[in-house]
């Protein structure tokens, strides 16, 4: 997850997302840098328009958040309690 955050931070700051920059950001956090993960992240983001992906992600998430806000929680039905006397009468008929 820290590799994704590092890439997003670099994008936000307008820096190139390359191996050296990713390593610098991750090592600055105190985490141990995994060379393989850095290479995979750089390769997977090659040619990707991150700004476009982020814009589409926020638009897709907005209607879902609005829909949740408008739905009401189902009301719990109150359970009717039988008076104890009526329950005892039912037991008495069992033992005759």
PDB file of N, CA and C in Angstrom:
ATOM      1  N   UNK A   1       0.824  -1.184   0.000  1.00  0.00           N
ATOM      2  CA  UNK A   1       0.000   0.000   0.000  1.00  0.00           C
ATOM      3  C   UNK A   1       0.875   1.257   0.000  1.00  0.00           C
ATOM      4  N   UNK A   2       1.999   1.190   0.696  1.00  0.00           N
ATOM      5  CA  UNK A   2       2.856   2.372   0.766  1.00  0.00           C
ATOM      6  C   UNK A   2       3.411   2.748  -0.601  1.00  0.00           C
ATOM      7  N   UNK A   3       3.526   1.797  -1.514  1.00  0.00           N
ATOM      8  CA  UNK A   3       4.017   2.094  -2.853  1.00  0.00           C
ATOM      9  C   UNK A   3       2.971   2.891  -3.638  1.00  0.00           C
ATOM     10  N   UNK A   4       1.721   2.550  -3.433  1.00  0.00           N
ATOM     11  CA  UNK A   4       0.635   3.298  -4.070  1.00  0.00           C
ATOM     12  C   UNK A   4       0.576   4.719  -3.525  1.00  0.00           C
ATOM     13  N   UNK A   5       0.687   4.843  -2.198  1.00  0.00           N
ATOM     14  CA  UNK A   5       0.679   6.169  -1.592  1.00  0.00           C
ATOM     15  C   UNK A   5       1.860   7.004  -2.077  1.00  0.00           C
ATOM     16  N   UNK A   6       3.006   6.383  -2.195  1.00  0.00           N
ATOM     17  CA  UNK A   6       4.194   7.098  -2.663  1.00  0.00           C
ATOM     18  C   UNK A   6       3.989   7.590  -4.094  1.00  0.00           C
ATOM     19  N   UNK A   7       3.410   6.741  -4.938  1.00  0.00           N
ATOM     20  CA  UNK A   7       3.157   7.133  -6.321  1.00  0.00           C
ATOM     21  C   UNK A   7       2.151   8.280  -6.381  1.00  0.00           C
ATOM     22  N   UNK A   8       1.111   8.218  -5.548  1.00  0.00           N
ATOM     23  CA  UNK A   8       0.124   9.301  -5.528  1.00  0.00           C
ATOM     24  C   UNK A   8       0.728  10.606  -5.018  1.00  0.00           C
ATOM     25  N   UNK A   9       1.602  10.507  -4.038  1.00  0.00           N
ATOM     26  CA  UNK A   9       2.265  11.695  -3.522  1.00  0.00           C
ATOM     27  C   UNK A   9       3.158  12.323  -4.582  1.00  0.00           C
ATOM     28  N   UNK A  10       3.916  11.501  -5.273  1.00  0.00           N
ATOM     29  CA  UNK A  10       4.756  12.017  -6.353  1.00  0.00           C
ATOM     30  C   UNK A  10       3.913  12.669  -7.441  1.00  0.00           C
ATOM     31  N   UNK A  11       2.804  12.045  -7.789  1.00  0.00           N
ATOM     32  CA  UNK A  11       1.910  12.628  -8.793  1.00  0.00           C
ATOM     33  C   UNK A  11       1.371  13.980  -8.325  1.00  0.00           C
ATOM     34  N   UNK A  12       0.951  14.051  -7.071  1.00  0.00           N
ATOM     35  CA  UNK A  12       0.401  15.292  -6.512  1.00  0.00           C
ATOM     36  C   UNK A  12       1.427  16.420  -6.553  1.00  0.00           C
ATOM     37  N   UNK A  13       2.696  16.069  -6.311  1.00  0.00           N
ATOM     38  CA  UNK A  13       3.760  17.071  -6.301  1.00  0.00           C
ATOM     39  C   UNK A  13       4.298  17.374  -7.696  1.00  0.00           C
ATOM     40  N   UNK A  14       3.803  16.675  -8.707  1.00  0.00           N
ATOM     41  CA  UNK A  14       4.241  16.923 -10.078  1.00  0.00           C
ATOM     42  C   UNK A  14       5.591  16.306 -10.394  1.00  0.00           C
ATOM     43  N   UNK A  15       6.019  15.352  -9.607  1.00  0.00           N
ATOM     44  CA  UNK A  15       7.308  14.680  -9.830  1.00  0.00           C
ATOM     45  C   UNK A  15       7.097  13.450 -10.701  1.00  0.00           C
ATOM     46  N   UNK A  16       8.175  13.036 -11.362  1.00  0.00           N
ATOM     47  CA  UNK A  16       8.126  11.810 -12.149  1.00  0.00           C
ATOM     48  C   UNK A  16       8.012  10.606 -11.232  1.00  0.00           C
ATOM     49  N   UNK A  17       7.197   9.655 -11.661  1.00  0.00           N
ATOM     50  CA  UNK A  17       7.078   8.414 -10.894  1.00  0.00           C
ATOM     51  C   UNK A  17       8.070   7.434 -11.506  1.00  0.00           C
ATOM     52  N   UNK A  18       9.256   7.417 -10.930  1.00  0.00           N
ATOM     53  CA  UNK A  18      10.299   6.509 -11.382  1.00  0.00           C
ATOM     54  C   UNK A  18      10.880   5.786 -10.173  1.00  0.00           C
ATOM     55  N   UNK A  19      11.775   4.858 -10.436  1.00  0.00           N
ATOM     56  CA  UNK A  19      12.311   4.027  -9.360  1.00  0.00           C
ATOM     57  C   UNK A  19      13.021   4.844  -8.289  1.00  0.00           C
ATOM     58  N   UNK A  20      13.835   5.808  -8.707  1.00  0.00           N
ATOM     59  CA  UNK A  20      14.591   6.603  -7.736  1.00  0.00           C
ATOM     60  C   UNK A  20      13.670   7.418  -6.839  1.00  0.00           C
ATOM     61  N   UNK A  21      12.664   8.057  -7.422  1.00  0.00           N
ATOM     62  CA  UNK A  21      11.746   8.875  -6.618  1.00  0.00           C
ATOM     63  C   UNK A  21      10.904   8.022  -5.676  1.00  0.00           C
ATOM     64  N   UNK A  22      10.431   6.874  -6.160  1.00  0.00           N
ATOM     65  CA  UNK A  22       9.656   5.983  -5.300  1.00  0.00           C
ATOM     66  C   UNK A  22      10.504   5.481  -4.129  1.00  0.00           C
ATOM     67  N   UNK A  23      11.726   5.099  -4.417  1.00  0.00           N
ATOM     68  CA  UNK A  23      12.617   4.628  -3.356  1.00  0.00           C
ATOM     69  C   UNK A  23      12.855   5.725  -2.322  1.00  0.00           C
ATOM     70  N   UNK A  24      13.035   6.954  -2.796  1.00  0.00           N
ATOM     71  CA  UNK A  24      13.295   8.074  -1.886  1.00  0.00           C
ATOM     72  C   UNK A  24      12.108   8.323  -0.962  1.00  0.00           C
ATOM     73  N   UNK A  25      10.903   8.293  -1.515  1.00  0.00           N
ATOM     74  CA  UNK A  25       9.708   8.542  -0.708  1.00  0.00           C
ATOM     75  C   UNK A  25       9.500   7.417   0.302  1.00  0.00           C
ATOM     76  N   UNK A  26       9.625   6.191  -0.144  1.00  0.00           N
ATOM     77  CA  UNK A  26       9.387   5.052   0.746  1.00  0.00           C
ATOM     78  C   UNK A  26      10.440   4.988   1.846  1.00  0.00           C
ATOM     79  N   UNK A  27      11.688   5.212   1.489  1.00  0.00           N
ATOM     80  CA  UNK A  27      12.735   5.170   2.514  1.00  0.00           C
ATOM     81  C   UNK A  27      12.602   6.331   3.489  1.00  0.00           C
ATOM     82  N   UNK A  28      12.041   7.457   3.040  1.00  0.00           N
ATOM     83  CA  UNK A  28      11.829   8.605   3.935  1.00  0.00           C
ATOM     84  C   UNK A  28      10.801   8.285   5.014  1.00  0.00           C
ATOM     85  N   UNK A  29       9.931   7.339   4.747  1.00  0.00           N
ATOM     86  CA  UNK A  29       8.928   6.964   5.749  1.00  0.00           C
ATOM     87  C   UNK A  29       9.489   6.001   6.786  1.00  0.00           C
ATOM     88  N   UNK A  30      10.656   5.468   6.515  1.00  0.00           N
ATOM     89  CA  UNK A  30      11.251   4.516   7.437  1.00  0.00           C
ATOM     90  C   UNK A  30      10.964   3.074   7.072  1.00  0.00           C
ATOM     91  N   UNK A  31      10.192   2.879   6.009  1.00  0.00           N
ATOM     92  CA  UNK A  31       9.881   1.521   5.564  1.00  0.00           C
ATOM     93  C   UNK A  31      11.046   0.971   4.744  1.00  0.00           C
ATOM     94  N   UNK A  32      11.137  -0.340   4.716  1.00  0.00           N
ATOM     95  CA  UNK A  32      12.177  -0.989   3.936  1.00  0.00           C
ATOM     96  C   UNK A  32      11.731  -1.050   2.478  1.00  0.00           C
ATOM     97  N   UNK A  33      12.607  -0.666   1.570  1.00  0.00           N
ATOM     98  CA  UNK A  33      12.276  -0.624   0.145  1.00  0.00           C
ATOM     99  C   UNK A  33      12.460  -2.005  -0.468  1.00  0.00           C
ATOM    100  N   UNK A  34      11.430  -2.471  -1.157  1.00  0.00           N
ATOM    101  CA  UNK A  34      11.485  -3.739  -1.884  1.00  0.00           C
ATOM    102  C   UNK A  34      11.665  -3.393  -3.362  1.00  0.00           C
ATOM    103  N   UNK A  35      12.836  -3.701  -3.892  1.00  0.00           N
ATOM    104  CA  UNK A  35      13.186  -3.351  -5.282  1.00  0.00           C
ATOM    105  C   UNK A  35      12.177  -3.914  -6.282  1.00  0.00           C
ATOM    106  N   UNK A  36      11.717  -5.128  -6.050  1.00  0.00           N
ATOM    107  CA  UNK A  36      10.774  -5.768  -6.977  1.00  0.00           C
ATOM    108  C   UNK A  36       9.445  -5.003  -7.009  1.00  0.00           C
ATOM    109  N   UNK A  37       8.964  -4.600  -5.841  1.00  0.00           N
ATOM    110  CA  UNK A  37       7.698  -3.857  -5.788  1.00  0.00           C
ATOM    111  C   UNK A  37       7.831  -2.497  -6.456  1.00  0.00           C
ATOM    112  N   UNK A  38       8.990  -1.868  -6.299  1.00  0.00           N
ATOM    113  CA  UNK A  38       9.227  -0.572  -6.943  1.00  0.00           C
ATOM    114  C   UNK A  38       9.182  -0.737  -8.453  1.00  0.00           C
ATOM    115  N   UNK A  39       9.848  -1.769  -8.977  1.00  0.00           N
ATOM    116  CA  UNK A  39       9.864  -1.999 -10.420  1.00  0.00           C
ATOM    117  C   UNK A  39       8.464  -2.309 -10.949  1.00  0.00           C
ATOM    118  N   UNK A  40       7.705  -3.102 -10.205  1.00  0.00           N
ATOM    119  CA  UNK A  40       6.343  -3.448 -10.623  1.00  0.00           C
ATOM    120  C   UNK A  40       5.468  -2.197 -10.647  1.00  0.00           C
ATOM    121  N   UNK A  41       5.595  -1.351  -9.629  1.00  0.00           N
ATOM    122  CA  UNK A  41       4.787  -0.130  -9.570  1.00  0.00           C
ATOM    123  C   UNK A  41       5.108   0.796 -10.741  1.00  0.00           C
ATOM    124  N   UNK A  42       6.380   1.004 -11.009  1.00  0.00           N
ATOM    125  CA  UNK A  42       6.780   1.882 -12.114  1.00  0.00           C
ATOM    126  C   UNK A  42       6.294   1.308 -13.438  1.00  0.00           C
ATOM    127  N   UNK A  43       6.448   0.003 -13.628  1.00  0.00           N
ATOM    128  CA  UNK A  43       6.011  -0.623 -14.875  1.00  0.00           C
ATOM    129  C   UNK A  43       4.495  -0.560 -15.036  1.00  0.00           C
ATOM    130  N   UNK A  44       3.759  -0.752 -13.947  1.00  0.00           N
ATOM    131  CA  UNK A  44       2.299  -0.751 -14.050  1.00  0.00           C
ATOM    132  C   UNK A  44       1.735   0.647 -14.277  1.00  0.00           C
ATOM    133  N   UNK A  45       2.466   1.671 -13.872  1.00  0.00           N
ATOM    134  CA  UNK A  45       1.981   3.041 -14.071  1.00  0.00           C
ATOM    135  C   UNK A  45       2.517   3.670 -15.355  1.00  0.00           C
ATOM    136  N   UNK A  46       3.341   2.958 -16.071  1.00  0.00           N
ATOM    137  CA  UNK A  46       3.896   3.473 -17.314  1.00  0.00           C
ATOM    138  C   UNK A  46       2.777   3.689 -18.331  1.00  0.00           C
ATOM    139  N   UNK A  47       2.642   4.898 -18.809  1.00  0.00           N
ATOM    140  CA  UNK A  47       1.626   5.225 -19.811  1.00  0.00           C
ATOM    141  C   UNK A  47       0.234   5.445 -19.251  1.00  0.00           C
ATOM    142  N   UNK A  48       0.081   5.458 -17.939  1.00  0.00           N
ATOM    143  CA  UNK A  48      -1.232   5.657 -17.317  1.00  0.00           C
ATOM    144  C   UNK A  48      -1.407   7.131 -16.986  1.00  0.00           C
ATOM    145  N   UNK A  49      -2.560   7.696 -17.368  1.00  0.00           N
ATOM    146  CA  UNK A  49      -2.888   9.079 -17.012  1.00  0.00           C
ATOM    147  C   UNK A  49      -3.537   9.052 -15.625  1.00  0.00           C
ATOM    148  N   UNK A  50      -2.726   9.288 -14.605  1.00  0.00           N
ATOM    149  CA  UNK A  50      -3.194   9.169 -13.225  1.00  0.00           C
ATOM    150  C   UNK A  50      -4.270  10.203 -12.916  1.00  0.00           C
ATOM    151  N   UNK A  51      -4.118  11.412 -13.424  1.00  0.00           N
ATOM    152  CA  UNK A  51      -5.111  12.463 -13.176  1.00  0.00           C
ATOM    153  C   UNK A  51      -6.476  12.042 -13.708  1.00  0.00           C
ATOM    154  N   UNK A  52      -6.505  11.444 -14.891  1.00  0.00           N
ATOM    155  CA  UNK A  52      -7.766  10.978 -15.476  1.00  0.00           C
ATOM    156  C   UNK A  52      -8.373   9.854 -14.642  1.00  0.00           C
ATOM    157  N   UNK A  53      -7.542   8.929 -14.204  1.00  0.00           N
ATOM    158  CA  UNK A  53      -8.037   7.813 -13.385  1.00  0.00           C
ATOM    159  C   UNK A  53      -8.599   8.317 -12.061  1.00  0.00           C
ATOM    160  N   UNK A  54      -7.924   9.286 -11.445  1.00  0.00           N
ATOM    161  CA  UNK A  54      -8.416   9.841 -10.183  1.00  0.00           C
ATOM    162  C   UNK A  54      -9.721  10.602 -10.381  1.00  0.00           C
ATOM    163  N   UNK A  55      -9.829  11.334 -11.482  1.00  0.00           N
ATOM    164  CA  UNK A  55     -11.062  12.080 -11.754  1.00  0.00           C
ATOM    165  C   UNK A  55     -12.232  11.127 -11.938  1.00  0.00           C
ATOM    166  N   UNK A  56     -12.017  10.035 -12.663  1.00  0.00           N
ATOM    167  CA  UNK A  56     -13.087   9.061 -12.878  1.00  0.00           C
ATOM    168  C   UNK A  56     -13.435   8.330 -11.589  1.00  0.00           C
ATOM    169  N   UNK A  57     -12.459   8.084 -10.759  1.00  0.00           N
ATOM    170  CA  UNK A  57     -12.710   7.385  -9.497  1.00  0.00           C
ATOM    171  C   UNK A  57     -13.555   8.235  -8.562  1.00  0.00           C
ATOM    172  N   UNK A  58     -13.288   9.521  -8.500  1.00  0.00           N
ATOM    173  CA  UNK A  58     -14.062  10.375  -7.598  1.00  0.00           C
ATOM    174  C   UNK A  58     -15.479  10.591  -8.113  1.00  0.00           C
ATOM    175  N   UNK A  59     -15.659  10.620  -9.403  1.00  0.00           N
ATOM    176  CA  UNK A  59     -17.004  10.764  -9.967  1.00  0.00           C
ATOM    177  C   UNK A  59     -17.809   9.499  -9.707  1.00  0.00           C
ATOM    178  N   UNK A  60     -17.192   8.352  -9.853  1.00  0.00           N
ATOM    179  CA  UNK A  60     -17.892   7.090  -9.630  1.00  0.00           C
ATOM    180  C   UNK A  60     -18.261   6.908  -8.167  1.00  0.00           C
ATOM    181  N   UNK A  61     -17.443   7.420  -7.273  1.00  0.00           N
ATOM    182  CA  UNK A  61     -17.710   7.255  -5.847  1.00  0.00           C
ATOM    183  C   UNK A  61     -18.756   8.242  -5.340  1.00  0.00           C
ATOM    184  N   UNK A  62     -18.895   9.378  -5.971  1.00  0.00           N
ATOM    185  CA  UNK A  62     -19.818  10.412  -5.498  1.00  0.00           C
ATOM    186  C   UNK A  62     -21.284   9.964  -5.502  1.00  0.00           C
ATOM    187  N   UNK A  63     -21.816   9.374  -6.588  1.00  0.00           N
ATOM    188  CA  UNK A  63     -23.214   8.944  -6.540  1.00  0.00           C
ATOM    189  C   UNK A  63     -23.468   7.881  -5.470  1.00  0.00           C
ATOM    190  N   UNK A  64     -22.528   7.005  -5.266  1.00  0.00           N
ATOM    191  CA  UNK A  64     -22.712   5.966  -4.259  1.00  0.00           C
ATOM    192  C   UNK A  64     -22.815   6.580  -2.872  1.00  0.00           C
ATOM    193  N   UNK A  65     -22.005   7.576  -2.600  1.00  0.00           N
ATOM    194  CA  UNK A  65     -22.050   8.226  -1.297  1.00  0.00           C
ATOM    195  C   UNK A  65     -23.369   8.971  -1.121  1.00  0.00           C
ATOM    196  N   UNK A  66     -23.854   9.618  -2.173  1.00  0.00           N
ATOM    197  CA  UNK A  66     -25.118  10.330  -2.094  1.00  0.00           C
ATOM    198  C   UNK A  66     -26.291   9.390  -1.919  1.00  0.00           C
ATOM    199  N   UNK A  67     -26.224   8.252  -2.554  1.00  0.00           N
ATOM    200  CA  UNK A  67     -27.309   7.281  -2.441  1.00  0.00           C
ATOM    201  C   UNK A  67     -27.397   6.720  -1.035  1.00  0.00           C
ATOM    202  N   UNK A  68     -26.264   6.504  -0.425  1.00  0.00           N
ATOM    203  CA  UNK A  68     -26.278   5.974   0.938  1.00  0.00           C
ATOM    204  C   UNK A  68     -26.850   6.984   1.915  1.00  0.00           C
ATOM    205  N   UNK A  69     -26.602   8.238   1.677  1.00  0.00           N
ATOM    206  CA  UNK A  69     -27.066   9.270   2.598  1.00  0.00           C
ATOM    207  C   UNK A  69     -28.582   9.417   2.556  1.00  0.00           C
ATOM    208  N   UNK A  70     -29.197   9.115   1.406  1.00  0.00           N
ATOM    209  CA  UNK A  70     -30.634   9.308   1.279  1.00  0.00           C
ATOM    210  C   UNK A  70     -31.444   8.107   1.752  1.00  0.00           C
ATOM    211  N   UNK A  71     -30.833   6.956   1.839  1.00  0.00           N
ATOM    212  CA  UNK A  71     -31.580   5.789   2.291  1.00  0.00           C
ATOM    213  C   UNK A  71     -31.743   5.824   3.797  1.00  0.00           C
ATOM    214  N   UNK A  72     -32.916   5.434   4.220  1.00  0.00           N
ATOM    215  CA  UNK A  72     -33.193   5.426   5.651  1.00  0.00           C
ATOM    216  C   UNK A  72     -32.927   4.038   6.206  1.00  0.00           C
ATOM    217  N   UNK A  73     -32.500   4.001   7.416  1.00  0.00           N
ATOM    218  CA  UNK A  73     -32.278   2.715   8.072  1.00  0.00           C
ATOM    219  C   UNK A  73     -33.640   2.087   8.355  1.00  0.00           C
ATOM    220  N   UNK A  74     -33.752   0.791   8.143  1.00  0.00           N
ATOM    221  CA  UNK A  74     -35.040   0.150   8.429  1.00  0.00           C
ATOM    222  C   UNK A  74     -35.369   0.248   9.911  1.00  0.00           C
ATOM    223  N   UNK A  75     -36.635   0.539  10.155  1.00  0.00           N
ATOM    224  CA  UNK A  75     -37.057   0.677  11.553  1.00  0.00           C
ATOM    225  C   UNK A  75     -37.298  -0.701  12.139  1.00  0.00           C
ATOM    226  N   UNK A  76     -36.858  -0.854  13.356  1.00  0.00           N
ATOM    227  CA  UNK A  76     -37.077  -2.132  14.026  1.00  0.00           C
ATOM    228  C   UNK A  76     -38.498  -2.178  14.570  1.00  0.00           C
ATOM    229  N   UNK A  77     -39.119  -3.314  14.347  1.00  0.00           N
ATOM    230  CA  UNK A  77     -40.469  -3.471  14.873  1.00  0.00           C
ATOM    231  C   UNK A  77     -40.385  -3.844  16.344  1.00  0.00           C
ATOM    232  N   UNK A  78     -41.254  -3.229  17.115  1.00  0.00           N
ATOM    233  CA  UNK A  78     -41.272  -3.541  18.541  1.00  0.00           C
ATOM    234  C   UNK A  78     -41.960  -4.871  18.739  1.00  0.00           C
ATOM    235  N   UNK A  79     -41.311  -5.710  19.487  1.00  0.00           N
ATOM    236  CA  UNK A  79     -41.863  -7.024  19.755  1.00  0.00           C
ATOM    237  C   UNK A  79     -42.883  -6.902  20.884  1.00  0.00           C
ATOM    238  N   UNK A  80     -44.061  -7.424  20.618  1.00  0.00           N
ATOM    239  CA  UNK A  80     -45.097  -7.356  21.643  1.00  0.00           C
ATOM    240  C   UNK A  80     -44.833  -8.434  22.681  1.00  0.00           C
ATOM    241  N   UNK A  81     -44.829  -8.027  23.917  1.00  0.00           N
ATOM    242  CA  UNK A  81     -44.601  -8.979  24.992  1.00  0.00           C
ATOM    243  C   UNK A  81     -45.939  -9.454  25.547  1.00  0.00           C
ATOM    244  N   UNK A  82     -46.017 -10.760  25.736  1.00  0.00           N
ATOM    245  CA  UNK A  82     -47.224 -11.305  26.337  1.00  0.00           C
ATOM    246  C   UNK A  82     -47.167 -11.064  27.835  1.00  0.00           C
ATOM    247  N   UNK A  83     -48.281 -10.734  28.392  1.00  0.00           N
ATOM    248  CA  UNK A  83     -48.285 -10.640  29.852  1.00  0.00           C
ATOM    249  C   UNK A  83     -47.940 -11.995  30.440  1.00  0.00           C
ATOM    250  N   UNK A  84     -47.282 -11.978  31.580  1.00  0.00           N
ATOM    251  CA  UNK A  84     -46.819 -13.229  32.189  1.00  0.00           C
ATOM    252  C   UNK A  84     -47.981 -14.126  32.609  1.00  0.00           C
ATOM    253  N   UNK A  85     -49.088 -13.541  32.954  1.00  0.00           N
ATOM    254  CA  UNK A  85     -50.241 -14.339  33.384  1.00  0.00           C
ATOM    255  C   UNK A  85     -50.746 -15.199  32.226  1.00  0.00           C
ATOM    256  N   UNK A  86     -50.815 -14.617  31.018  1.00  0.00           N
ATOM    257  CA  UNK A  86     -51.297 -15.374  29.865  1.00  0.00           C
ATOM    258  C   UNK A  86     -50.334 -16.506  29.521  1.00  0.00           C
ATOM    259  N   UNK A  87     -49.053 -16.269  29.677  1.00  0.00           N
ATOM    260  CA  UNK A  87     -48.071 -17.316  29.404  1.00  0.00           C
ATOM    261  C   UNK A  87     -48.211 -18.442  30.407  1.00  0.00           C
ATOM    262  N   UNK A  88     -48.491 -18.110  31.648  1.00  0.00           N
ATOM    263  CA  UNK A  88     -48.648 -19.133  32.682  1.00  0.00           C
ATOM    264  C   UNK A  88     -49.893 -19.965  32.443  1.00  0.00           C
ATOM    265  N   UNK A  89     -50.977 -19.352  31.932  1.00  0.00           N
ATOM    266  CA  UNK A  89     -52.205 -20.093  31.648  1.00  0.00           C
ATOM    267  C   UNK A  89     -51.950 -21.157  30.595  1.00  0.00           C
ATOM    268  N   UNK A  90     -51.134 -20.831  29.613  1.00  0.00           N
ATOM    269  CA  UNK A  90     -50.798 -21.796  28.548  1.00  0.00           C
ATOM    270  C   UNK A  90     -50.052 -22.989  29.114  1.00  0.00           C
ATOM    271  N   UNK A  91     -49.190 -22.756  30.075  1.00  0.00           N
ATOM    272  CA  UNK A  91     -48.448 -23.851  30.696  1.00  0.00           C
ATOM    273  C   UNK A  91     -49.348 -24.733  31.548  1.00  0.00           C
ATOM    274  N   UNK A  92     -50.310 -24.109  32.218  1.00  0.00           N
ATOM    275  CA  UNK A  92     -51.217 -24.856  33.082  1.00  0.00           C
ATOM    276  C   UNK A  92     -52.052 -25.859  32.261  1.00  0.00           C
ATOM    277  N   UNK A  93     -52.432 -25.464  31.043  1.00  0.00           N
ATOM    278  CA  UNK A  93     -53.239 -26.366  30.231  1.00  0.00           C
ATOM    279  C   UNK A  93     -52.446 -27.576  29.779  1.00  0.00           C
ATOM    280  N   UNK A  94     -51.143 -27.475  29.705  1.00  0.00           N
ATOM    281  CA  UNK A  94     -50.329 -28.617  29.325  1.00  0.00           C
ATOM    282  C   UNK A  94     -50.337 -29.716  30.393  1.00  0.00           C
ATOM    283  N   UNK A  95     -50.414 -29.308  31.652  1.00  0.00           N
ATOM    284  CA  UNK A  95     -50.317 -30.275  32.739  1.00  0.00           C
ATOM    285  C   UNK A  95     -51.687 -30.636  33.310  1.00  0.00           C
ATOM    286  N   UNK A  96     -52.735 -30.132  32.734  1.00  0.00           N
ATOM    287  CA  UNK A  96     -54.081 -30.434  32.964  1.00  0.00           C
ATOM    288  C   UNK A  96     -54.685 -30.365  34.261  1.00  0.00           C
TER     289      UNK A  96
END
